[in-house]
Amino acid sequence: MFIIEFFRVRETDGAHATLDRVEHDTTDLDNAKIRAQSLFDTLNLPQKPDALRIMAQNGDEVFFWKPEHHKSSE
């Protein structure tokens, strides 16, 4: 089980504001990465995320992704 967390990043200090968390029931990290990146632009969120991270069930961050092409509209 992995938790995919989508968030905004404040450029001035790098603070994260979580927009949503999605559970993904798989034991394969590569599968979770594909799912997370596919949800990045398609998940209906109140704001567009800047980045995502995947956390293992114990809360450890196992993957971080911030698309290079993404620009914040704020």
PDB file of N, CA and C in Angstrom:
ATOM      1  N   MET A   1       0.845  -1.181   0.000  1.00  0.00           N
ATOM      2  CA  MET A   1       0.000   0.000   0.000  1.00  0.00           C
ATOM      3  C   MET A   1       0.888   1.241   0.000  1.00  0.00           C
ATOM      4  N   PHE A   2       0.587   2.161  -0.894  1.00  0.00           N
ATOM      5  CA  PHE A   2       1.289   3.434  -0.962  1.00  0.00           C
ATOM      6  C   PHE A   2       0.281   4.564  -0.826  1.00  0.00           C
ATOM      7  N   ILE A   3       0.741   5.689  -0.325  1.00  0.00           N
ATOM      8  CA  ILE A   3      -0.057   6.912  -0.261  1.00  0.00           C
ATOM      9  C   ILE A   3       0.569   7.899  -1.240  1.00  0.00           C
ATOM     10  N   ILE A   4      -0.245   8.387  -2.168  1.00  0.00           N
ATOM     11  CA  ILE A   4       0.209   9.395  -3.129  1.00  0.00           C
ATOM     12  C   ILE A   4      -0.305  10.738  -2.625  1.00  0.00           C
ATOM     13  N   GLU A   5       0.608  11.668  -2.444  1.00  0.00           N
ATOM     14  CA  GLU A   5       0.252  12.982  -1.907  1.00  0.00           C
ATOM     15  C   GLU A   5       0.557  14.050  -2.953  1.00  0.00           C
ATOM     16  N   PHE A   6      -0.458  14.849  -3.268  1.00  0.00           N
ATOM     17  CA  PHE A   6      -0.319  15.946  -4.229  1.00  0.00           C
ATOM     18  C   PHE A   6      -0.272  17.243  -3.440  1.00  0.00           C
ATOM     19  N   PHE A   7       0.660  18.133  -3.790  1.00  0.00           N
ATOM     20  CA  PHE A   7       0.794  19.352  -2.992  1.00  0.00           C
ATOM     21  C   PHE A   7       1.299  20.525  -3.802  1.00  0.00           C
ATOM     22  N   ARG A   8       1.104  21.692  -3.228  1.00  0.00           N
ATOM     23  CA  ARG A   8       1.655  22.946  -3.755  1.00  0.00           C
ATOM     24  C   ARG A   8       2.933  23.233  -2.983  1.00  0.00           C
ATOM     25  N   VAL A   9       3.855  23.916  -3.631  1.00  0.00           N
ATOM     26  CA  VAL A   9       5.115  24.284  -2.986  1.00  0.00           C
ATOM     27  C   VAL A   9       5.227  25.809  -3.008  1.00  0.00           C
ATOM     28  N   ARG A  10       5.413  26.385  -1.837  1.00  0.00           N
ATOM     29  CA  ARG A  10       5.622  27.830  -1.752  1.00  0.00           C
ATOM     30  C   ARG A  10       7.084  28.099  -2.087  1.00  0.00           C
ATOM     31  N   GLU A  11       7.307  28.854  -3.141  1.00  0.00           N
ATOM     32  CA  GLU A  11       8.663  29.081  -3.659  1.00  0.00           C
ATOM     33  C   GLU A  11       9.575  29.811  -2.667  1.00  0.00           C
ATOM     34  N   THR A  12       9.020  30.689  -1.856  1.00  0.00           N
ATOM     35  CA  THR A  12       9.866  31.489  -0.970  1.00  0.00           C
ATOM     36  C   THR A  12      10.587  30.659   0.082  1.00  0.00           C
ATOM     37  N   ASP A  13       9.924  29.612   0.598  1.00  0.00           N
ATOM     38  CA  ASP A  13      10.570  28.825   1.650  1.00  0.00           C
ATOM     39  C   ASP A  13      10.438  27.306   1.462  1.00  0.00           C
ATOM     40  N   GLY A  14       9.812  26.889   0.350  1.00  0.00           N
ATOM     41  CA  GLY A  14       9.688  25.462   0.080  1.00  0.00           C
ATOM     42  C   GLY A  14       8.622  24.750   0.890  1.00  0.00           C
ATOM     43  N   ALA A  15       7.780  25.493   1.607  1.00  0.00           N
ATOM     44  CA  ALA A  15       6.730  24.874   2.411  1.00  0.00           C
ATOM     45  C   ALA A  15       5.724  24.165   1.511  1.00  0.00           C
ATOM     46  N   HIS A  16       5.220  23.030   1.985  1.00  0.00           N
ATOM     47  CA  HIS A  16       4.261  22.233   1.234  1.00  0.00           C
ATOM     48  C   HIS A  16       2.859  22.428   1.784  1.00  0.00           C
ATOM     49  N   ALA A  17       1.880  22.539   0.892  1.00  0.00           N
ATOM     50  CA  ALA A  17       0.469  22.563   1.267  1.00  0.00           C
ATOM     51  C   ALA A  17      -0.193  21.380   0.560  1.00  0.00           C
ATOM     52  N   THR A  18      -0.606  20.398   1.320  1.00  0.00           N
ATOM     53  CA  THR A  18      -1.191  19.194   0.750  1.00  0.00           C
ATOM     54  C   THR A  18      -2.570  19.490   0.175  1.00  0.00           C
ATOM     55  N   LEU A  19      -2.782  19.060  -1.074  1.00  0.00           N
ATOM     56  CA  LEU A  19      -4.073  19.231  -1.735  1.00  0.00           C
ATOM     57  C   LEU A  19      -4.931  17.972  -1.619  1.00  0.00           C
ATOM     58  N   ASP A  20      -4.302  16.808  -1.688  1.00  0.00           N
ATOM     59  CA  ASP A  20      -5.046  15.559  -1.601  1.00  0.00           C
ATOM     60  C   ASP A  20      -4.089  14.408  -1.371  1.00  0.00           C
ATOM     61  N   ARG A  21      -4.630  13.340  -0.807  1.00  0.00           N
ATOM     62  CA  ARG A  21      -3.891  12.089  -0.624  1.00  0.00           C
ATOM     63  C   ARG A  21      -4.747  10.978  -1.212  1.00  0.00           C
ATOM     64  N   VAL A  22      -4.098  10.091  -1.964  1.00  0.00           N
ATOM     65  CA  VAL A  22      -4.795   8.979  -2.597  1.00  0.00           C
ATOM     66  C   VAL A  22      -4.070   7.701  -2.221  1.00  0.00           C
ATOM     67  N   GLU A  23      -4.814   6.707  -1.751  1.00  0.00           N
ATOM     68  CA  GLU A  23      -4.211   5.406  -1.457  1.00  0.00           C
ATOM     69  C   GLU A  23      -4.137   4.592  -2.741  1.00  0.00           C
ATOM     70  N   HIS A  24      -3.034   3.875  -2.909  1.00  0.00           N
ATOM     71  CA  HIS A  24      -2.873   3.000  -4.071  1.00  0.00           C
ATOM     72  C   HIS A  24      -2.425   1.642  -3.554  1.00  0.00           C
ATOM     73  N   ASP A  25      -3.276   0.655  -3.745  1.00  0.00           N
ATOM     74  CA  ASP A  25      -3.053  -0.677  -3.188  1.00  0.00           C
ATOM     75  C   ASP A  25      -2.219  -1.521  -4.150  1.00  0.00           C
ATOM     76  N   THR A  26      -0.915  -1.439  -3.996  1.00  0.00           N
ATOM     77  CA  THR A  26       0.025  -2.223  -4.781  1.00  0.00           C
ATOM     78  C   THR A  26       1.292  -2.393  -3.957  1.00  0.00           C
ATOM     79  N   THR A  27       2.058  -3.415  -4.261  1.00  0.00           N
ATOM     80  CA  THR A  27       3.352  -3.594  -3.600  1.00  0.00           C
ATOM     81  C   THR A  27       4.494  -3.165  -4.510  1.00  0.00           C
ATOM     82  N   ASP A  28       4.155  -2.750  -5.727  1.00  0.00           N
ATOM     83  CA  ASP A  28       5.157  -2.390  -6.732  1.00  0.00           C
ATOM     84  C   ASP A  28       5.292  -0.870  -6.828  1.00  0.00           C
ATOM     85  N   LEU A  29       6.438  -0.331  -6.443  1.00  0.00           N
ATOM     86  CA  LEU A  29       6.656   1.117  -6.470  1.00  0.00           C
ATOM     87  C   LEU A  29       6.553   1.665  -7.890  1.00  0.00           C
ATOM     88  N   ASP A  30       7.065   0.945  -8.877  1.00  0.00           N
ATOM     89  CA  ASP A  30       6.976   1.436 -10.259  1.00  0.00           C
ATOM     90  C   ASP A  30       5.521   1.603 -10.689  1.00  0.00           C
ATOM     91  N   ASN A  31       4.666   0.684 -10.283  1.00  0.00           N
ATOM     92  CA  ASN A  31       3.243   0.789 -10.583  1.00  0.00           C
ATOM     93  C   ASN A  31       2.648   2.016  -9.910  1.00  0.00           C
ATOM     94  N   ALA A  32       3.028   2.264  -8.680  1.00  0.00           N
ATOM     95  CA  ALA A  32       2.537   3.436  -7.946  1.00  0.00           C
ATOM     96  C   ALA A  32       3.015   4.732  -8.605  1.00  0.00           C
ATOM     97  N   LYS A  33       4.241   4.756  -9.115  1.00  0.00           N
ATOM     98  CA  LYS A  33       4.762   5.945  -9.809  1.00  0.00           C
ATOM     99  C   LYS A  33       3.940   6.251 -11.054  1.00  0.00           C
ATOM    100  N   ILE A  34       3.633   5.212 -11.835  1.00  0.00           N
ATOM    101  CA  ILE A  34       2.838   5.394 -13.052  1.00  0.00           C
ATOM    102  C   ILE A  34       1.457   5.936 -12.702  1.00  0.00           C
ATOM    103  N   ARG A  35       0.843   5.363 -11.694  1.00  0.00           N
ATOM    104  CA  ARG A  35      -0.486   5.807 -11.265  1.00  0.00           C
ATOM    105  C   ARG A  35      -0.448   7.255 -10.787  1.00  0.00           C
ATOM    106  N   ALA A  36       0.541   7.599  -9.985  1.00  0.00           N
ATOM    107  CA  ALA A  36       0.655   8.954  -9.444  1.00  0.00           C
ATOM    108  C   ALA A  36       0.829   9.983 -10.551  1.00  0.00           C
ATOM    109  N   GLN A  37       1.704   9.694 -11.493  1.00  0.00           N
ATOM    110  CA  GLN A  37       1.953  10.648 -12.574  1.00  0.00           C
ATOM    111  C   GLN A  37       0.751  10.765 -13.500  1.00  0.00           C
ATOM    112  N   SER A  38      -0.009   9.690 -13.671  1.00  0.00           N
ATOM    113  CA  SER A  38      -1.202   9.773 -14.511  1.00  0.00           C
ATOM    114  C   SER A  38      -2.300  10.592 -13.824  1.00  0.00           C
ATOM    115  N   LEU A  39      -2.357  10.545 -12.499  1.00  0.00           N
ATOM    116  CA  LEU A  39      -3.342  11.328 -11.758  1.00  0.00           C
ATOM    117  C   LEU A  39      -2.973  12.800 -11.646  1.00  0.00           C
ATOM    118  N   PHE A  40      -1.708  13.137 -11.832  1.00  0.00           N
ATOM    119  CA  PHE A  40      -1.212  14.492 -11.584  1.00  0.00           C
ATOM    120  C   PHE A  40      -2.026  15.552 -12.318  1.00  0.00           C
ATOM    121  N   ASP A  41      -2.291  15.336 -13.601  1.00  0.00           N
ATOM    122  CA  ASP A  41      -3.024  16.323 -14.391  1.00  0.00           C
ATOM    123  C   ASP A  41      -4.512  16.017 -14.514  1.00  0.00           C
ATOM    124  N   THR A  42      -4.941  14.854 -14.063  1.00  0.00           N
ATOM    125  CA  THR A  42      -6.336  14.471 -14.265  1.00  0.00           C
ATOM    126  C   THR A  42      -7.177  14.505 -12.986  1.00  0.00           C
ATOM    127  N   LEU A  43      -6.545  14.495 -11.836  1.00  0.00           N
ATOM    128  CA  LEU A  43      -7.290  14.511 -10.575  1.00  0.00           C
ATOM    129  C   LEU A  43      -7.954  15.873 -10.401  1.00  0.00           C
ATOM    130  N   ASN A  44      -9.223  15.874 -10.044  1.00  0.00           N
ATOM    131  CA  ASN A  44      -9.970  17.116  -9.888  1.00  0.00           C
ATOM    132  C   ASN A  44      -9.685  17.702  -8.503  1.00  0.00           C
ATOM    133  N   LEU A  45      -8.779  18.675  -8.459  1.00  0.00           N
ATOM    134  CA  LEU A  45      -8.376  19.312  -7.203  1.00  0.00           C
ATOM    135  C   LEU A  45      -8.722  20.798  -7.250  1.00  0.00           C
ATOM    136  N   PRO A  46      -8.884  21.447  -6.096  1.00  0.00           N
ATOM    137  CA  PRO A  46      -9.217  22.879  -6.083  1.00  0.00           C
ATOM    138  C   PRO A  46      -8.101  23.758  -6.663  1.00  0.00           C
ATOM    139  N   GLN A  47      -6.860  23.290  -6.586  1.00  0.00           N
ATOM    140  CA  GLN A  47      -5.714  23.993  -7.171  1.00  0.00           C
ATOM    141  C   GLN A  47      -4.873  22.964  -7.907  1.00  0.00           C
ATOM    142  N   LYS A  48      -4.085  23.433  -8.855  1.00  0.00           N
ATOM    143  CA  LYS A  48      -3.193  22.538  -9.589  1.00  0.00           C
ATOM    144  C   LYS A  48      -1.965  22.253  -8.717  1.00  0.00           C
ATOM    145  N   PRO A  49      -1.628  20.977  -8.529  1.00  0.00           N
ATOM    146  CA  PRO A  49      -0.455  20.660  -7.706  1.00  0.00           C
ATOM    147  C   PRO A  49       0.847  21.059  -8.405  1.00  0.00           C
ATOM    148  N   ASP A  50       1.867  21.325  -7.605  1.00  0.00           N
ATOM    149  CA  ASP A  50       3.201  21.605  -8.120  1.00  0.00           C
ATOM    150  C   ASP A  50       4.044  20.341  -8.165  1.00  0.00           C
ATOM    151  N   ALA A  51       3.747  19.402  -7.272  1.00  0.00           N
ATOM    152  CA  ALA A  51       4.573  18.203  -7.146  1.00  0.00           C
ATOM    153  C   ALA A  51       3.765  17.107  -6.469  1.00  0.00           C
ATOM    154  N   LEU A  52       4.369  15.931  -6.423  1.00  0.00           N
ATOM    155  CA  LEU A  52       3.756  14.819  -5.701  1.00  0.00           C
ATOM    156  C   LEU A  52       4.845  14.025  -5.019  1.00  0.00           C
ATOM    157  N   ARG A  53       4.420  13.246  -4.050  1.00  0.00           N
ATOM    158  CA  ARG A  53       5.338  12.308  -3.424  1.00  0.00           C
ATOM    159  C   ARG A  53       4.560  11.043  -3.113  1.00  0.00           C
ATOM    160  N   ILE A  54       5.301   9.965  -3.058  1.00  0.00           N
ATOM    161  CA  ILE A  54       4.713   8.684  -2.698  1.00  0.00           C
ATOM    162  C   ILE A  54       5.339   8.263  -1.386  1.00  0.00           C
ATOM    163  N   MET A  55       4.467   7.850  -0.480  1.00  0.00           N
ATOM    164  CA  MET A  55       4.934   7.403   0.826  1.00  0.00           C
ATOM    165  C   MET A  55       4.559   5.941   1.020  1.00  0.00           C
ATOM    166  N   ALA A  56       5.456   5.210   1.640  1.00  0.00           N
ATOM    167  CA  ALA A  56       5.171   3.827   1.999  1.00  0.00           C
ATOM    168  C   ALA A  56       4.151   3.825   3.126  1.00  0.00           C
ATOM    169  N   GLN A  57       3.617   2.677   3.413  1.00  0.00           N
ATOM    170  CA  GLN A  57       2.584   2.552   4.441  1.00  0.00           C
ATOM    171  C   GLN A  57       3.063   3.050   5.805  1.00  0.00           C
ATOM    172  N   ASN A  58       4.371   2.962   6.063  1.00  0.00           N
ATOM    173  CA  ASN A  58       4.919   3.413   7.352  1.00  0.00           C
ATOM    174  C   ASN A  58       5.165   4.926   7.390  1.00  0.00           C
ATOM    175  N   GLY A  59       4.872   5.629   6.270  1.00  0.00           N
ATOM    176  CA  GLY A  59       5.028   7.079   6.231  1.00  0.00           C
ATOM    177  C   GLY A  59       6.328   7.568   5.639  1.00  0.00           C
ATOM    178  N   ASP A  60       7.254   6.654   5.314  1.00  0.00           N
ATOM    179  CA  ASP A  60       8.519   7.061   4.702  1.00  0.00           C
ATOM    180  C   ASP A  60       8.291   7.484   3.251  1.00  0.00           C
ATOM    181  N   GLU A  61       8.894   8.614   2.858  1.00  0.00           N
ATOM    182  CA  GLU A  61       8.822   9.061   1.470  1.00  0.00           C
ATOM    183  C   GLU A  61       9.721   8.155   0.632  1.00  0.00           C
ATOM    184  N   VAL A  62       9.150   7.579  -0.442  1.00  0.00           N
ATOM    185  CA  VAL A  62       9.915   6.679  -1.300  1.00  0.00           C
ATOM    186  C   VAL A  62      10.072   7.224  -2.712  1.00  0.00           C
ATOM    187  N   PHE A  63       9.351   8.313  -3.032  1.00  0.00           N
ATOM    188  CA  PHE A  63       9.448   8.905  -4.371  1.00  0.00           C
ATOM    189  C   PHE A  63       8.948  10.337  -4.297  1.00  0.00           C
ATOM    190  N   PHE A  64       9.631  11.234  -5.014  1.00  0.00           N
ATOM    191  CA  PHE A  64       9.236  12.636  -5.120  1.00  0.00           C
ATOM    192  C   PHE A  64       9.309  12.997  -6.596  1.00  0.00           C
ATOM    193  N   TRP A  65       8.315  13.745  -7.087  1.00  0.00           N
ATOM    194  CA  TRP A  65       8.312  14.132  -8.498  1.00  0.00           C
ATOM    195  C   TRP A  65       7.726  15.514  -8.647  1.00  0.00           C
ATOM    196  N   LYS A  66       8.442  16.348  -9.370  1.00  0.00           N
ATOM    197  CA  LYS A  66       7.981  17.691  -9.720  1.00  0.00           C
ATOM    198  C   LYS A  66       8.263  17.855 -11.209  1.00  0.00           C
ATOM    199  N   PRO A  67       7.217  17.905 -12.022  1.00  0.00           N
ATOM    200  CA  PRO A  67       7.458  18.002 -13.460  1.00  0.00           C
ATOM    201  C   PRO A  67       8.178  19.291 -13.832  1.00  0.00           C
ATOM    202  N   GLU A  68       9.130  19.163 -14.710  1.00  0.00           N
ATOM    203  CA  GLU A  68       9.920  20.334 -15.112  1.00  0.00           C
ATOM    204  C   GLU A  68       9.106  21.327 -15.926  1.00  0.00           C
ATOM    205  N   HIS A  69       8.123  20.833 -16.675  1.00  0.00           N
ATOM    206  CA  HIS A  69       7.321  21.711 -17.525  1.00  0.00           C
ATOM    207  C   HIS A  69       6.247  22.466 -16.771  1.00  0.00           C
ATOM    208  N   HIS A  70       5.965  22.057 -15.541  1.00  0.00           N
ATOM    209  CA  HIS A  70       4.852  22.647 -14.790  1.00  0.00           C
ATOM    210  C   HIS A  70       5.220  24.029 -14.263  1.00  0.00           C
ATOM    211  N   LYS A  71       4.358  24.969 -14.518  1.00  0.00           N
ATOM    212  CA  LYS A  71       4.529  26.331 -13.990  1.00  0.00           C
ATOM    213  C   LYS A  71       3.316  26.662 -13.145  1.00  0.00           C
ATOM    214  N   SER A  72       3.555  27.219 -11.990  1.00  0.00           N
ATOM    215  CA  SER A  72       2.455  27.626 -11.129  1.00  0.00           C
ATOM    216  C   SER A  72       1.744  28.822 -11.731  1.00  0.00           C
ATOM    217  N   SER A  73       0.420  28.827 -11.637  1.00  0.00           N
ATOM    218  CA  SER A  73      -0.345  29.955 -12.182  1.00  0.00           C
ATOM    219  C   SER A  73      -0.536  31.049 -11.142  1.00  0.00           C
ATOM    220  N   GLU A  74      -0.027  30.845  -9.938  1.00  0.00           N
ATOM    221  CA  GLU A  74      -0.174  31.856  -8.894  1.00  0.00           C
ATOM    222  C   GLU A  74       1.167  32.530  -8.613  1.00  0.00           C
TER     223      GLU A  74
END
